[in-house]
Structures are given as structure tokens and as C-alpha cells.
């Protein structure tokens, strides 16, 4: 077998393996719920600054400043 035919055979085998890996792989993971629900949290801001409690979230660090007569709303999915 010549070096060109060996290279072509190797290239064809590599392409076939790549096609099997792409087409025969597992389905992608479901990253988000297809039917999310919302949680709505209301907070009277007269007594703020406020965080923690029902506003506690390690990802977004929700925090509200004092606002006399104000109403804070946080919506989580």
C-alpha cells in the first residue's frame, strides 16, 4: 500500500470516527425546565436596607435600599 493510500485510509477512518461520535452521541442535557414556575417575593422597603431571608440568593446577591413607602419585588424562575 502506498503512502498516499495509507494517508487516505487514515483520513477516511478518522472522518468515520468523528461522524459516529457526533451522530451516535448522547442527547444534550436539559439545562432548564421546559415549564418554569415563577416565585414572586414582595418586600416593604421602609425597614431596609434588607437582604437575606426570602431575598437570600447566593447567585445574585439581591439587596434593597431604604425607600420610605416603597415596595420591592423580586421574581425568581
C-alpha atoms as a PDB file:
ATOM      1  CA  UNK A   1       0.000   0.000   0.000  1.00  0.00           C
ATOM      2  CA  UNK A   2       1.461   3.378  -0.970  1.00  0.00           C
ATOM      3  CA  UNK A   3       1.903   6.195   1.498  1.00  0.00           C
ATOM      4  CA  UNK A   4      -0.854   8.192  -0.229  1.00  0.00           C
ATOM      5  CA  UNK A   5      -3.351   5.378   0.036  1.00  0.00           C
ATOM      6  CA  UNK A   6      -2.404   4.829   3.709  1.00  0.00           C
ATOM      7  CA  UNK A   7      -2.937   8.528   4.393  1.00  0.00           C
ATOM      8  CA  UNK A   8      -6.269   8.484   2.572  1.00  0.00           C
ATOM      9  CA  UNK A   9      -7.353   5.390   4.511  1.00  0.00           C
ATOM     10  CA  UNK A  10      -6.336   7.018   7.792  1.00  0.00           C
ATOM     11  CA  UNK A  11      -8.192  10.209   6.879  1.00  0.00           C
ATOM     12  CA  UNK A  12     -11.311   8.231   5.948  1.00  0.00           C
ATOM     13  CA  UNK A  13     -11.161   6.266   9.201  1.00  0.00           C
ATOM     14  CA  UNK A  14     -10.769   9.487  11.209  1.00  0.00           C
ATOM     15  CA  UNK A  15     -13.730  11.085   9.423  1.00  0.00           C
ATOM     16  CA  UNK A  16     -15.851   7.985  10.054  1.00  0.00           C
ATOM     17  CA  UNK A  17     -14.967   8.011  13.757  1.00  0.00           C
ATOM     18  CA  UNK A  18     -15.820  11.706  14.012  1.00  0.00           C
ATOM     19  CA  UNK A  19     -19.187  11.125  12.295  1.00  0.00           C
ATOM     20  CA  UNK A  20     -20.018   8.272  14.694  1.00  0.00           C
ATOM     21  CA  UNK A  21     -19.070  10.437  17.680  1.00  0.00           C
ATOM     22  CA  UNK A  22     -21.306  13.289  16.519  1.00  0.00           C
ATOM     23  CA  UNK A  23     -24.276  11.259  15.327  1.00  0.00           C
ATOM     24  CA  UNK A  24     -24.144   8.460  17.879  1.00  0.00           C
ATOM     25  CA  UNK A  25     -23.544  10.585  20.952  1.00  0.00           C
ATOM     26  CA  UNK A  26     -25.974  11.043  23.799  1.00  0.00           C
ATOM     27  CA  UNK A  27     -28.691  13.642  23.609  1.00  0.00           C
ATOM     28  CA  UNK A  28     -27.763  17.028  25.116  1.00  0.00           C
ATOM     29  CA  UNK A  29     -28.572  17.551  28.774  1.00  0.00           C
ATOM     30  CA  UNK A  30     -31.701  19.503  29.654  1.00  0.00           C
ATOM     31  CA  UNK A  31     -30.290  22.710  31.134  1.00  0.00           C
ATOM     32  CA  UNK A  32     -33.550  24.408  32.086  1.00  0.00           C
ATOM     33  CA  UNK A  33     -37.015  23.236  32.995  1.00  0.00           C
ATOM     34  CA  UNK A  34     -39.257  23.357  29.912  1.00  0.00           C
ATOM     35  CA  UNK A  35     -42.068  24.672  32.125  1.00  0.00           C
ATOM     36  CA  UNK A  36     -40.539  27.014  34.731  1.00  0.00           C
ATOM     37  CA  UNK A  37     -42.592  28.456  37.566  1.00  0.00           C
ATOM     38  CA  UNK A  38     -42.129  31.941  38.979  1.00  0.00           C
ATOM     39  CA  UNK A  39     -41.816  32.835  42.652  1.00  0.00           C
ATOM     40  CA  UNK A  40     -42.711  36.446  43.418  1.00  0.00           C
ATOM     41  CA  UNK A  41     -41.367  37.972  46.634  1.00  0.00           C
ATOM     42  CA  UNK A  42     -42.636  41.350  47.885  1.00  0.00           C
ATOM     43  CA  UNK A  43     -40.738  43.344  50.487  1.00  0.00           C
ATOM     44  CA  UNK A  44     -41.708  46.620  52.177  1.00  0.00           C
ATOM     45  CA  UNK A  45     -38.582  48.793  51.916  1.00  0.00           C
ATOM     46  CA  UNK A  46     -39.408  51.046  54.899  1.00  0.00           C
ATOM     47  CA  UNK A  47     -37.221  48.841  57.109  1.00  0.00           C
ATOM     48  CA  UNK A  48     -34.387  48.336  54.638  1.00  0.00           C
ATOM     49  CA  UNK A  49     -31.512  48.041  53.828  1.00  0.00           C
ATOM     50  CA  UNK A  50     -32.591  44.438  53.526  1.00  0.00           C
ATOM     51  CA  UNK A  51     -31.193  41.224  52.171  1.00  0.00           C
ATOM     52  CA  UNK A  52     -31.175  37.600  53.270  1.00  0.00           C
ATOM     53  CA  UNK A  53     -34.291  35.722  54.373  1.00  0.00           C
ATOM     54  CA  UNK A  54     -36.655  35.263  51.438  1.00  0.00           C
ATOM     55  CA  UNK A  55     -34.366  37.552  49.419  1.00  0.00           C
ATOM     56  CA  UNK A  56     -31.266  35.442  50.092  1.00  0.00           C
ATOM     57  CA  UNK A  57     -29.716  34.149  46.900  1.00  0.00           C
ATOM     58  CA  UNK A  58     -26.075  33.050  46.620  1.00  0.00           C
ATOM     59  CA  UNK A  59     -26.108  33.733  42.870  1.00  0.00           C
ATOM     60  CA  UNK A  60     -27.447  37.273  42.511  1.00  0.00           C
ATOM     61  CA  UNK A  61     -26.901  38.818  45.962  1.00  0.00           C
ATOM     62  CA  UNK A  62     -30.282  40.585  45.969  1.00  0.00           C
ATOM     63  CA  UNK A  63     -30.224  43.691  48.159  1.00  0.00           C
ATOM     64  CA  UNK A  64     -32.706  46.565  48.538  1.00  0.00           C
ATOM     65  CA  UNK A  65     -32.010  50.042  49.912  1.00  0.00           C
ATOM     66  CA  UNK A  66     -34.256  52.040  52.236  1.00  0.00           C
ATOM     67  CA  UNK A  67     -37.143  53.634  50.348  1.00  0.00           C
ATOM     68  CA  UNK A  68     -39.842  55.068  52.619  1.00  0.00           C
ATOM     69  CA  UNK A  69     -43.216  53.886  51.357  1.00  0.00           C
ATOM     70  CA  UNK A  70     -41.565  51.764  48.680  1.00  0.00           C
ATOM     71  CA  UNK A  71     -42.272  48.181  47.695  1.00  0.00           C
ATOM     72  CA  UNK A  72     -39.557  45.855  46.403  1.00  0.00           C
ATOM     73  CA  UNK A  73     -40.390  42.931  44.149  1.00  0.00           C
ATOM     74  CA  UNK A  74     -38.126  40.038  43.288  1.00  0.00           C
ATOM     75  CA  UNK A  75     -39.167  37.418  40.735  1.00  0.00           C
ATOM     76  CA  UNK A  76     -37.324  34.098  40.606  1.00  0.00           C
ATOM     77  CA  UNK A  77     -37.739  31.394  37.988  1.00  0.00           C
END
